[in-house]
C-alpha cells in the first residue's frame, strides 16, 4: 500500500499522460510478481553482466525474504551496491539456480 502511494503523488504533482501511468503500473505489478516468483527468468550469468549487476533479480529478492537482511533494492541494485548491502551469497545463489536450470533443460548432460 505504501509502495503504491507514489501514484497519488504523481497524479497530484506531476503532469502525466494516462498511457505513461498505465505503463508504469503494468511494469510495477509485473516486476513485483517476477520478484516473488521463486524462479529466475534472466539468462545464465546475467548477474555478472555489466548491466545485470545493477538490475534486481528474483534470486536477489528471494534472498532478501529468506534472510531479511540485505538486498533491499526494488528494481535496481544501485543503492545495494553503493552501500554494500548486497548479500555475500548472492552470486553463489544465482550460479546454483543456473546449474539447476541447466539440469532441467539438458538432463542428458548430467
PDB file of N, CA and C in Angstrom:
ATOM      1  N   UNK A   1       0.824  -1.182   0.000  1.00  0.00           N
ATOM      2  CA  UNK A   1       0.000   0.000   0.000  1.00  0.00           C
ATOM      3  C   UNK A   1       0.872   1.251   0.000  1.00  0.00           C
ATOM      4  N   UNK A   2       1.900   1.244   0.822  1.00  0.00           N
ATOM      5  CA  UNK A   2       2.798   2.389   0.885  1.00  0.00           C
ATOM      6  C   UNK A   2       3.529   2.557  -0.446  1.00  0.00           C
ATOM      7  N   UNK A   3       3.965   1.443  -1.015  1.00  0.00           N
ATOM      8  CA  UNK A   3       4.674   1.493  -2.290  1.00  0.00           C
ATOM      9  C   UNK A   3       3.790   2.087  -3.385  1.00  0.00           C
ATOM     10  N   UNK A   4       2.538   1.724  -3.411  1.00  0.00           N
ATOM     11  CA  UNK A   4       1.615   2.209  -4.440  1.00  0.00           C
ATOM     12  C   UNK A   4       1.205   3.658  -4.218  1.00  0.00           C
ATOM     13  N   UNK A   5       1.443   4.203  -3.044  1.00  0.00           N
ATOM     14  CA  UNK A   5       1.035   5.579  -2.755  1.00  0.00           C
ATOM     15  C   UNK A   5       1.790   6.596  -3.604  1.00  0.00           C
ATOM     16  N   UNK A   6       2.892   6.199  -4.214  1.00  0.00           N
ATOM     17  CA  UNK A   6       3.622   7.096  -5.110  1.00  0.00           C
ATOM     18  C   UNK A   6       2.725   7.546  -6.252  1.00  0.00           C
ATOM     19  N   UNK A   7       1.765   6.735  -6.622  1.00  0.00           N
ATOM     20  CA  UNK A   7       0.845   7.074  -7.708  1.00  0.00           C
ATOM     21  C   UNK A   7       0.063   8.340  -7.371  1.00  0.00           C
ATOM     22  N   UNK A   8      -0.389   8.474  -6.126  1.00  0.00           N
ATOM     23  CA  UNK A   8      -1.125   9.671  -5.737  1.00  0.00           C
ATOM     24  C   UNK A   8      -0.247  10.908  -5.843  1.00  0.00           C
ATOM     25  N   UNK A   9       1.011  10.775  -5.477  1.00  0.00           N
ATOM     26  CA  UNK A   9       1.947  11.888  -5.587  1.00  0.00           C
ATOM     27  C   UNK A   9       2.127  12.291  -7.052  1.00  0.00           C
ATOM     28  N   UNK A  10       2.275  11.306  -7.918  1.00  0.00           N
ATOM     29  CA  UNK A  10       2.429  11.579  -9.349  1.00  0.00           C
ATOM     30  C   UNK A  10       1.182  12.268  -9.903  1.00  0.00           C
ATOM     31  N   UNK A  11       0.017  11.760  -9.556  1.00  0.00           N
ATOM     32  CA  UNK A  11      -1.236  12.292 -10.087  1.00  0.00           C
ATOM     33  C   UNK A  11      -1.445  13.753  -9.678  1.00  0.00           C
ATOM     34  N   UNK A  12      -1.084  14.096  -8.456  1.00  0.00           N
ATOM     35  CA  UNK A  12      -1.343  15.449  -7.959  1.00  0.00           C
ATOM     36  C   UNK A  12      -0.242  16.455  -8.259  1.00  0.00           C
ATOM     37  N   UNK A  13       0.996  16.006  -8.417  1.00  0.00           N
ATOM     38  CA  UNK A  13       2.101  16.961  -8.542  1.00  0.00           C
ATOM     39  C   UNK A  13       2.760  17.032  -9.921  1.00  0.00           C
ATOM     40  N   UNK A  14       2.636  15.995 -10.711  1.00  0.00           N
ATOM     41  CA  UNK A  14       3.389  15.935 -11.956  1.00  0.00           C
ATOM     42  C   UNK A  14       2.428  15.774 -13.135  1.00  0.00           C
ATOM     43  N   UNK A  15       2.596  16.597 -14.165  1.00  0.00           N
ATOM     44  CA  UNK A  15       1.777  16.368 -15.359  1.00  0.00           C
ATOM     45  C   UNK A  15       2.144  15.010 -15.964  1.00  0.00           C
ATOM     46  N   UNK A  16       1.168  14.237 -16.314  1.00  0.00           N
ATOM     47  CA  UNK A  16       1.422  12.893 -16.827  1.00  0.00           C
ATOM     48  C   UNK A  16       0.393  12.564 -17.905  1.00  0.00           C
ATOM     49  N   UNK A  17       0.711  11.564 -18.675  1.00  0.00           N
ATOM     50  CA  UNK A  17      -0.217  11.045 -19.671  1.00  0.00           C
ATOM     51  C   UNK A  17      -0.759   9.728 -19.133  1.00  0.00           C
ATOM     52  N   UNK A  18      -2.027   9.465 -19.346  1.00  0.00           N
ATOM     53  CA  UNK A  18      -2.639   8.242 -18.817  1.00  0.00           C
ATOM     54  C   UNK A  18      -1.922   6.983 -19.298  1.00  0.00           C
ATOM     55  N   UNK A  19      -1.458   6.997 -20.534  1.00  0.00           N
ATOM     56  CA  UNK A  19      -0.747   5.832 -21.061  1.00  0.00           C
ATOM     57  C   UNK A  19       0.563   5.598 -20.312  1.00  0.00           C
ATOM     58  N   UNK A  20       1.266   6.671 -19.989  1.00  0.00           N
ATOM     59  CA  UNK A  20       2.521   6.543 -19.233  1.00  0.00           C
ATOM     60  C   UNK A  20       2.247   5.978 -17.843  1.00  0.00           C
ATOM     61  N   UNK A  21       1.177   6.461 -17.209  1.00  0.00           N
ATOM     62  CA  UNK A  21       0.815   5.950 -15.886  1.00  0.00           C
ATOM     63  C   UNK A  21       0.427   4.474 -15.963  1.00  0.00           C
ATOM     64  N   UNK A  22      -0.333   4.096 -16.965  1.00  0.00           N
ATOM     65  CA  UNK A  22      -0.725   2.703 -17.146  1.00  0.00           C
ATOM     66  C   UNK A  22       0.504   1.820 -17.408  1.00  0.00           C
ATOM     67  N   UNK A  23       1.427   2.315 -18.215  1.00  0.00           N
ATOM     68  CA  UNK A  23       2.656   1.556 -18.496  1.00  0.00           C
ATOM     69  C   UNK A  23       3.470   1.363 -17.216  1.00  0.00           C
ATOM     70  N   UNK A  24       3.584   2.410 -16.397  1.00  0.00           N
ATOM     71  CA  UNK A  24       4.318   2.308 -15.143  1.00  0.00           C
ATOM     72  C   UNK A  24       3.654   1.313 -14.192  1.00  0.00           C
ATOM     73  N   UNK A  25       2.331   1.385 -14.071  1.00  0.00           N
ATOM     74  CA  UNK A  25       1.616   0.458 -13.192  1.00  0.00           C
ATOM     75  C   UNK A  25       1.759  -0.985 -13.668  1.00  0.00           C
ATOM     76  N   UNK A  26       1.690  -1.182 -14.969  1.00  0.00           N
ATOM     77  CA  UNK A  26       1.854  -2.529 -15.522  1.00  0.00           C
ATOM     78  C   UNK A  26       3.250  -3.059 -15.229  1.00  0.00           C
ATOM     79  N   UNK A  27       4.258  -2.217 -15.454  1.00  0.00           N
ATOM     80  CA  UNK A  27       5.633  -2.620 -15.160  1.00  0.00           C
ATOM     81  C   UNK A  27       5.804  -2.919 -13.674  1.00  0.00           C
ATOM     82  N   UNK A  28       5.271  -2.067 -12.821  1.00  0.00           N
ATOM     83  CA  UNK A  28       5.409  -2.222 -11.375  1.00  0.00           C
ATOM     84  C   UNK A  28       4.806  -3.557 -10.907  1.00  0.00           C
ATOM     85  N   UNK A  29       3.618  -3.872 -11.369  1.00  0.00           N
ATOM     86  CA  UNK A  29       2.961  -5.118 -10.963  1.00  0.00           C
ATOM     87  C   UNK A  29       3.700  -6.331 -11.527  1.00  0.00           C
ATOM     88  N   UNK A  30       4.078  -6.259 -12.794  1.00  0.00           N
ATOM     89  CA  UNK A  30       4.776  -7.377 -13.434  1.00  0.00           C
ATOM     90  C   UNK A  30       6.106  -7.667 -12.746  1.00  0.00           C
ATOM     91  N   UNK A  31       6.880  -6.619 -12.462  1.00  0.00           N
ATOM     92  CA  UNK A  31       8.180  -6.833 -11.832  1.00  0.00           C
ATOM     93  C   UNK A  31       8.032  -7.315 -10.393  1.00  0.00           C
ATOM     94  N   UNK A  32       6.983  -6.886  -9.722  1.00  0.00           N
ATOM     95  CA  UNK A  32       6.720  -7.357  -8.371  1.00  0.00           C
ATOM     96  C   UNK A  32       6.387  -8.847  -8.384  1.00  0.00           C
ATOM     97  N   UNK A  33       5.592  -9.281  -9.344  1.00  0.00           N
ATOM     98  CA  UNK A  33       5.281 -10.710  -9.474  1.00  0.00           C
ATOM     99  C   UNK A  33       6.557 -11.486  -9.776  1.00  0.00           C
ATOM    100  N   UNK A  34       7.360 -10.984 -10.716  1.00  0.00           N
ATOM    101  CA  UNK A  34       8.622 -11.645 -11.060  1.00  0.00           C
ATOM    102  C   UNK A  34       9.530 -11.762  -9.829  1.00  0.00           C
ATOM    103  N   UNK A  35       9.624 -10.717  -9.030  1.00  0.00           N
ATOM    104  CA  UNK A  35      10.483 -10.735  -7.849  1.00  0.00           C
ATOM    105  C   UNK A  35      10.083 -11.777  -6.827  1.00  0.00           C
ATOM    106  N   UNK A  36       8.803 -12.087  -6.776  1.00  0.00           N
ATOM    107  CA  UNK A  36       8.304 -13.067  -5.808  1.00  0.00           C
ATOM    108  C   UNK A  36       8.027 -14.424  -6.448  1.00  0.00           C
ATOM    109  N   UNK A  37       8.396 -14.587  -7.689  1.00  0.00           N
ATOM    110  CA  UNK A  37       8.089 -15.790  -8.449  1.00  0.00           C
ATOM    111  C   UNK A  37       8.792 -17.035  -7.911  1.00  0.00           C
ATOM    112  N   UNK A  38      10.005 -16.855  -7.414  1.00  0.00           N
ATOM    113  CA  UNK A  38      10.763 -18.014  -6.956  1.00  0.00           C
ATOM    114  C   UNK A  38      11.412 -18.755  -8.112  1.00  0.00           C
ATOM    115  N   UNK A  39      11.423 -18.144  -9.272  1.00  0.00           N
ATOM    116  CA  UNK A  39      12.047 -18.730 -10.451  1.00  0.00           C
ATOM    117  C   UNK A  39      12.764 -17.615 -11.200  1.00  0.00           C
ATOM    118  N   UNK A  40      13.982 -17.865 -11.616  1.00  0.00           N
ATOM    119  CA  UNK A  40      14.768 -16.834 -12.292  1.00  0.00           C
ATOM    120  C   UNK A  40      14.491 -16.832 -13.783  1.00  0.00           C
ATOM    121  N   UNK A  41      14.138 -15.664 -14.322  1.00  0.00           N
ATOM    122  CA  UNK A  41      13.847 -15.517 -15.744  1.00  0.00           C
ATOM    123  C   UNK A  41      15.022 -14.951 -16.533  1.00  0.00           C
ATOM    124  N   UNK A  42      15.930 -14.271 -15.854  1.00  0.00           N
ATOM    125  CA  UNK A  42      17.079 -13.696 -16.557  1.00  0.00           C
ATOM    126  C   UNK A  42      18.033 -14.812 -16.988  1.00  0.00           C
ATOM    127  N   UNK A  43      18.815 -14.573 -18.037  1.00  0.00           N
ATOM    128  CA  UNK A  43      19.683 -15.629 -18.573  1.00  0.00           C
ATOM    129  C   UNK A  43      20.869 -15.968 -17.678  1.00  0.00           C
ATOM    130  N   UNK A  44      21.538 -17.029 -18.044  1.00  0.00           N
ATOM    131  CA  UNK A  44      22.725 -17.507 -17.338  1.00  0.00           C
ATOM    132  C   UNK A  44      23.765 -16.388 -17.225  1.00  0.00           C
ATOM    133  N   UNK A  45      24.361 -16.280 -16.063  1.00  0.00           N
ATOM    134  CA  UNK A  45      25.406 -15.310 -15.739  1.00  0.00           C
ATOM    135  C   UNK A  45      24.984 -13.847 -15.924  1.00  0.00           C
ATOM    136  N   UNK A  46      23.689 -13.593 -15.909  1.00  0.00           N
ATOM    137  CA  UNK A  46      23.189 -12.221 -16.028  1.00  0.00           C
ATOM    138  C   UNK A  46      23.706 -11.356 -14.883  1.00  0.00           C
ATOM    139  N   UNK A  47      23.835 -11.935 -13.709  1.00  0.00           N
ATOM    140  CA  UNK A  47      24.278 -11.189 -12.528  1.00  0.00           C
ATOM    141  C   UNK A  47      25.717 -10.701 -12.652  1.00  0.00           C
ATOM    142  N   UNK A  48      26.483 -11.233 -13.599  1.00  0.00           N
ATOM    143  CA  UNK A  48      27.873 -10.818 -13.816  1.00  0.00           C
ATOM    144  C   UNK A  48      28.008  -9.818 -14.972  1.00  0.00           C
ATOM    145  N   UNK A  49      26.967  -9.679 -15.780  1.00  0.00           N
ATOM    146  CA  UNK A  49      26.983  -8.770 -16.924  1.00  0.00           C
ATOM    147  C   UNK A  49      27.044  -7.325 -16.431  1.00  0.00           C
ATOM    148  N   UNK A  50      27.638  -6.417 -17.208  1.00  0.00           N
ATOM    149  CA  UNK A  50      27.768  -5.031 -16.741  1.00  0.00           C
ATOM    150  C   UNK A  50      26.415  -4.356 -16.523  1.00  0.00           C
ATOM    151  N   UNK A  51      25.379  -4.787 -17.200  1.00  0.00           N
ATOM    152  CA  UNK A  51      24.030  -4.269 -16.940  1.00  0.00           C
ATOM    153  C   UNK A  51      23.359  -5.084 -15.829  1.00  0.00           C
ATOM    154  N   UNK A  52      23.524  -6.391 -15.876  1.00  0.00           N
ATOM    155  CA  UNK A  52      22.893  -7.278 -14.899  1.00  0.00           C
ATOM    156  C   UNK A  52      23.338  -7.043 -13.465  1.00  0.00           C
ATOM    157  N   UNK A  53      24.520  -6.472 -13.276  1.00  0.00           N
ATOM    158  CA  UNK A  53      24.998  -6.168 -11.918  1.00  0.00           C
ATOM    159  C   UNK A  53      24.131  -5.106 -11.238  1.00  0.00           C
ATOM    160  N   UNK A  54      23.380  -4.342 -12.029  1.00  0.00           N
ATOM    161  CA  UNK A  54      22.606  -3.222 -11.483  1.00  0.00           C
ATOM    162  C   UNK A  54      21.104  -3.462 -11.506  1.00  0.00           C
ATOM    163  N   UNK A  55      20.665  -4.613 -12.037  1.00  0.00           N
ATOM    164  CA  UNK A  55      19.243  -4.937 -12.142  1.00  0.00           C
ATOM    165  C   UNK A  55      18.887  -5.969 -11.064  1.00  0.00           C
ATOM    166  N   UNK A  56      17.786  -5.750 -10.375  1.00  0.00           N
ATOM    167  CA  UNK A  56      17.351  -6.701  -9.357  1.00  0.00           C
ATOM    168  C   UNK A  56      16.825  -7.968 -10.024  1.00  0.00           C
ATOM    169  N   UNK A  57      17.135  -9.109  -9.438  1.00  0.00           N
ATOM    170  CA  UNK A  57      16.693 -10.400  -9.970  1.00  0.00           C
ATOM    171  C   UNK A  57      15.813 -11.098  -8.941  1.00  0.00           C
ATOM    172  N   UNK A  58      15.133 -12.128  -9.394  1.00  0.00           N
ATOM    173  CA  UNK A  58      14.289 -12.900  -8.490  1.00  0.00           C
ATOM    174  C   UNK A  58      15.135 -13.585  -7.413  1.00  0.00           C
ATOM    175  N   UNK A  59      16.303 -14.086  -7.791  1.00  0.00           N
ATOM    176  CA  UNK A  59      17.207 -14.725  -6.816  1.00  0.00           C
ATOM    177  C   UNK A  59      17.582 -13.716  -5.737  1.00  0.00           C
ATOM    178  N   UNK A  60      17.939 -12.515  -6.143  1.00  0.00           N
ATOM    179  CA  UNK A  60      18.325 -11.475  -5.196  1.00  0.00           C
ATOM    180  C   UNK A  60      17.183 -11.158  -4.238  1.00  0.00           C
ATOM    181  N   UNK A  61      15.986 -10.991  -4.781  1.00  0.00           N
ATOM    182  CA  UNK A  61      14.849 -10.645  -3.937  1.00  0.00           C
ATOM    183  C   UNK A  61      14.450 -11.797  -3.013  1.00  0.00           C
ATOM    184  N   UNK A  62      14.555 -13.018  -3.508  1.00  0.00           N
ATOM    185  CA  UNK A  62      14.225 -14.166  -2.661  1.00  0.00           C
ATOM    186  C   UNK A  62      15.220 -14.323  -1.510  1.00  0.00           C
ATOM    187  N   UNK A  63      16.482 -13.973  -1.725  1.00  0.00           N
ATOM    188  CA  UNK A  63      17.453 -13.981  -0.622  1.00  0.00           C
ATOM    189  C   UNK A  63      17.068 -12.957   0.437  1.00  0.00           C
ATOM    190  N   UNK A  64      16.536 -11.827  -0.006  1.00  0.00           N
ATOM    191  CA  UNK A  64      16.070 -10.804   0.940  1.00  0.00           C
ATOM    192  C   UNK A  64      14.963 -11.372   1.832  1.00  0.00           C
ATOM    193  N   UNK A  65      14.032 -12.091   1.247  1.00  0.00           N
ATOM    194  CA  UNK A  65      12.943 -12.665   2.047  1.00  0.00           C
ATOM    195  C   UNK A  65      13.408 -13.843   2.900  1.00  0.00           C
ATOM    196  N   UNK A  66      14.397 -14.555   2.434  1.00  0.00           N
ATOM    197  CA  UNK A  66      14.896 -15.711   3.176  1.00  0.00           C
ATOM    198  C   UNK A  66      15.666 -15.291   4.429  1.00  0.00           C
ATOM    199  N   UNK A  67      16.432 -14.198   4.336  1.00  0.00           N
ATOM    200  CA  UNK A  67      17.307 -13.797   5.445  1.00  0.00           C
ATOM    201  C   UNK A  67      16.893 -12.479   6.105  1.00  0.00           C
ATOM    202  N   UNK A  68      16.034 -11.697   5.460  1.00  0.00           N
ATOM    203  CA  UNK A  68      15.560 -10.414   5.994  1.00  0.00           C
ATOM    204  C   UNK A  68      16.673  -9.420   6.289  1.00  0.00           C
ATOM    205  N   UNK A  69      17.783  -9.576   5.607  1.00  0.00           N
ATOM    206  CA  UNK A  69      18.860  -8.585   5.723  1.00  0.00           C
ATOM    207  C   UNK A  69      19.572  -8.502   4.381  1.00  0.00           C
ATOM    208  N   UNK A  70      19.816  -7.301   3.936  1.00  0.00           N
ATOM    209  CA  UNK A  70      20.458  -7.092   2.648  1.00  0.00           C
ATOM    210  C   UNK A  70      19.490  -7.225   1.487  1.00  0.00           C
ATOM    211  N   UNK A  71      19.995  -6.888   0.302  1.00  0.00           N
ATOM    212  CA  UNK A  71      19.229  -6.977  -0.951  1.00  0.00           C
ATOM    213  C   UNK A  71      17.910  -6.208  -0.849  1.00  0.00           C
ATOM    214  N   UNK A  72      18.015  -4.919  -0.577  1.00  0.00           N
ATOM    215  CA  UNK A  72      16.834  -4.093  -0.357  1.00  0.00           C
ATOM    216  C   UNK A  72      16.267  -3.490  -1.635  1.00  0.00           C
ATOM    217  N   UNK A  73      17.002  -3.550  -2.742  1.00  0.00           N
ATOM    218  CA  UNK A  73      16.575  -2.919  -3.989  1.00  0.00           C
ATOM    219  C   UNK A  73      15.255  -3.464  -4.510  1.00  0.00           C
ATOM    220  N   UNK A  74      14.503  -2.593  -5.157  1.00  0.00           N
ATOM    221  CA  UNK A  74      13.220  -2.989  -5.718  1.00  0.00           C
ATOM    222  C   UNK A  74      13.367  -3.340  -7.195  1.00  0.00           C
ATOM    223  N   UNK A  75      13.797  -2.392  -7.993  1.00  0.00           N
ATOM    224  CA  UNK A  75      14.000  -2.636  -9.425  1.00  0.00           C
ATOM    225  C   UNK A  75      15.489  -2.718  -9.768  1.00  0.00           C
ATOM    226  N   UNK A  76      16.280  -1.979  -9.035  1.00  0.00           N
ATOM    227  CA  UNK A  76      17.708  -1.873  -9.327  1.00  0.00           C
ATOM    228  C   UNK A  76      18.532  -2.173  -8.075  1.00  0.00           C
ATOM    229  N   UNK A  77      19.807  -2.469  -8.286  1.00  0.00           N
ATOM    230  CA  UNK A  77      20.718  -2.756  -7.172  1.00  0.00           C
ATOM    231  C   UNK A  77      21.704  -1.613  -6.929  1.00  0.00           C
ATOM    232  N   UNK A  78      21.394  -0.441  -7.454  1.00  0.00           N
ATOM    233  CA  UNK A  78      22.320   0.688  -7.355  1.00  0.00           C
ATOM    234  C   UNK A  78      22.665   0.994  -5.905  1.00  0.00           C
ATOM    235  N   UNK A  79      21.660   1.212  -5.073  1.00  0.00           N
ATOM    236  CA  UNK A  79      21.918   1.555  -3.666  1.00  0.00           C
ATOM    237  C   UNK A  79      22.531   0.378  -2.912  1.00  0.00           C
ATOM    238  N   UNK A  80      22.085  -0.834  -3.189  1.00  0.00           N
ATOM    239  CA  UNK A  80      22.674  -2.005  -2.535  1.00  0.00           C
ATOM    240  C   UNK A  80      24.157  -2.118  -2.865  1.00  0.00           C
ATOM    241  N   UNK A  81      24.522  -1.896  -4.105  1.00  0.00           N
ATOM    242  CA  UNK A  81      25.940  -1.972  -4.497  1.00  0.00           C
ATOM    243  C   UNK A  81      26.737  -0.846  -3.844  1.00  0.00           C
ATOM    244  N   UNK A  82      26.214   0.369  -3.894  1.00  0.00           N
ATOM    245  CA  UNK A  82      26.936   1.507  -3.332  1.00  0.00           C
ATOM    246  C   UNK A  82      27.081   1.430  -1.818  1.00  0.00           C
ATOM    247  N   UNK A  83      26.062   0.912  -1.142  1.00  0.00           N
ATOM    248  CA  UNK A  83      26.083   0.873   0.323  1.00  0.00           C
ATOM    249  C   UNK A  83      26.536  -0.470   0.891  1.00  0.00           C
ATOM    250  N   UNK A  84      26.853  -1.419  -0.004  1.00  0.00           N
ATOM    251  CA  UNK A  84      27.384  -2.707   0.443  1.00  0.00           C
ATOM    252  C   UNK A  84      26.360  -3.615   1.084  1.00  0.00           C
ATOM    253  N   UNK A  85      25.083  -3.499   0.695  1.00  0.00           N
ATOM    254  CA  UNK A  85      24.049  -4.338   1.299  1.00  0.00           C
ATOM    255  C   UNK A  85      23.640  -5.520   0.416  1.00  0.00           C
ATOM    256  N   UNK A  86      24.361  -5.755  -0.685  1.00  0.00           N
ATOM    257  CA  UNK A  86      24.118  -6.963  -1.466  1.00  0.00           C
ATOM    258  C   UNK A  86      24.700  -8.123  -0.667  1.00  0.00           C
ATOM    259  N   UNK A  87      23.906  -9.150  -0.454  1.00  0.00           N
ATOM    260  CA  UNK A  87      24.371 -10.285   0.349  1.00  0.00           C
ATOM    261  C   UNK A  87      25.563 -10.966  -0.316  1.00  0.00           C
ATOM    262  N   UNK A  88      26.496 -11.444   0.502  1.00  0.00           N
ATOM    263  CA  UNK A  88      27.709 -12.097   0.014  1.00  0.00           C
ATOM    264  C   UNK A  88      27.388 -13.380  -0.763  1.00  0.00           C
ATOM    265  N   UNK A  89      26.281 -14.023  -0.435  1.00  0.00           N
ATOM    266  CA  UNK A  89      25.940 -15.281  -1.090  1.00  0.00           C
ATOM    267  C   UNK A  89      25.080 -15.111  -2.349  1.00  0.00           C
ATOM    268  N   UNK A  90      24.889 -13.871  -2.791  1.00  0.00           N
ATOM    269  CA  UNK A  90      24.046 -13.633  -3.970  1.00  0.00           C
ATOM    270  C   UNK A  90      24.621 -14.293  -5.224  1.00  0.00           C
ATOM    271  N   UNK A  91      25.894 -14.066  -5.532  1.00  0.00           N
ATOM    272  CA  UNK A  91      26.493 -14.657  -6.734  1.00  0.00           C
ATOM    273  C   UNK A  91      26.442 -16.180  -6.704  1.00  0.00           C
ATOM    274  N   UNK A  92      26.790 -16.760  -5.563  1.00  0.00           N
ATOM    275  CA  UNK A  92      26.739 -18.225  -5.443  1.00  0.00           C
ATOM    276  C   UNK A  92      25.313 -18.757  -5.616  1.00  0.00           C
ATOM    277  N   UNK A  93      24.343 -18.047  -5.057  1.00  0.00           N
ATOM    278  CA  UNK A  93      22.943 -18.475  -5.173  1.00  0.00           C
ATOM    279  C   UNK A  93      22.465 -18.396  -6.613  1.00  0.00           C
ATOM    280  N   UNK A  94      22.843 -17.333  -7.321  1.00  0.00           N
ATOM    281  CA  UNK A  94      22.444 -17.194  -8.727  1.00  0.00           C
ATOM    282  C   UNK A  94      23.065 -18.316  -9.563  1.00  0.00           C
ATOM    283  N   UNK A  95      24.337 -18.614  -9.313  1.00  0.00           N
ATOM    284  CA  UNK A  95      25.008 -19.679 -10.063  1.00  0.00           C
ATOM    285  C   UNK A  95      24.395 -21.047  -9.754  1.00  0.00           C
ATOM    286  N   UNK A  96      23.949 -21.256  -8.530  1.00  0.00           N
ATOM    287  CA  UNK A  96      23.276 -22.509  -8.169  1.00  0.00           C
ATOM    288  C   UNK A  96      21.966 -22.652  -8.939  1.00  0.00           C
ATOM    289  N   UNK A  97      21.238 -21.559  -9.062  1.00  0.00           N
ATOM    290  CA  UNK A  97      19.999 -21.576  -9.842  1.00  0.00           C
ATOM    291  C   UNK A  97      20.320 -21.871 -11.304  1.00  0.00           C
ATOM    292  N   UNK A  98      21.404 -21.290 -11.838  1.00  0.00           N
ATOM    293  CA  UNK A  98      21.833 -21.574 -13.213  1.00  0.00           C
ATOM    294  C   UNK A  98      22.095 -23.066 -13.413  1.00  0.00           C
ATOM    295  N   UNK A  99      22.764 -23.684 -12.447  1.00  0.00           N
ATOM    296  CA  UNK A  99      23.054 -25.119 -12.552  1.00  0.00           C
ATOM    297  C   UNK A  99      21.763 -25.938 -12.535  1.00  0.00           C
ATOM    298  N   UNK A 100      20.834 -25.581 -11.673  1.00  0.00           N
ATOM    299  CA  UNK A 100      19.565 -26.300 -11.603  1.00  0.00           C
ATOM    300  C   UNK A 100      18.783 -26.162 -12.905  1.00  0.00           C
ATOM    301  N   UNK A 101      18.795 -24.971 -13.503  1.00  0.00           N
ATOM    302  CA  UNK A 101      18.096 -24.766 -14.773  1.00  0.00           C
ATOM    303  C   UNK A 101      18.747 -25.585 -15.883  1.00  0.00           C
ATOM    304  N   UNK A 102      20.066 -25.690 -15.862  1.00  0.00           N
ATOM    305  CA  UNK A 102      20.766 -26.477 -16.879  1.00  0.00           C
ATOM    306  C   UNK A 102      20.399 -27.955 -16.763  1.00  0.00           C
ATOM    307  N   UNK A 103      20.286 -28.450 -15.540  1.00  0.00           N
ATOM    308  CA  UNK A 103      19.907 -29.854 -15.332  1.00  0.00           C
ATOM    309  C   UNK A 103      18.503 -30.125 -15.856  1.00  0.00           C
ATOM    310  N   UNK A 104      17.614 -29.188 -15.665  1.00  0.00           N
ATOM    311  CA  UNK A 104      16.235 -29.360 -16.132  1.00  0.00           C
ATOM    312  C   UNK A 104      16.182 -29.283 -17.651  1.00  0.00           C
ATOM    313  N   UNK A 105      16.905 -28.331 -18.241  1.00  0.00           N
ATOM    314  CA  UNK A 105      16.864 -28.125 -19.684  1.00  0.00           C
ATOM    315  C   UNK A 105      17.607 -29.215 -20.450  1.00  0.00           C
ATOM    316  N   UNK A 106      18.704 -29.726 -19.864  1.00  0.00           N
ATOM    317  CA  UNK A 106      19.549 -30.710 -20.553  1.00  0.00           C
ATOM    318  C   UNK A 106      19.908 -31.866 -19.603  1.00  0.00           C
ATOM    319  N   UNK A 107      18.954 -32.674 -19.209  1.00  0.00           N
ATOM    320  CA  UNK A 107      19.229 -33.732 -18.237  1.00  0.00           C
ATOM    321  C   UNK A 107      20.208 -34.793 -18.761  1.00  0.00           C
ATOM    322  N   UNK A 108      20.335 -34.920 -20.066  1.00  0.00           N
ATOM    323  CA  UNK A 108      21.235 -35.934 -20.628  1.00  0.00           C
ATOM    324  C   UNK A 108      22.703 -35.616 -20.378  1.00  0.00           C
ATOM    325  N   UNK A 109      23.019 -34.361 -20.030  1.00  0.00           N
ATOM    326  CA  UNK A 109      24.413 -33.991 -19.787  1.00  0.00           C
ATOM    327  C   UNK A 109      24.831 -34.201 -18.347  1.00  0.00           C
ATOM    328  N   UNK A 110      23.889 -34.590 -17.476  1.00  0.00           N
ATOM    329  CA  UNK A 110      24.220 -34.724 -16.055  1.00  0.00           C
ATOM    330  C   UNK A 110      24.060 -36.142 -15.577  1.00  0.00           C
TER     331      UNK A 110
END
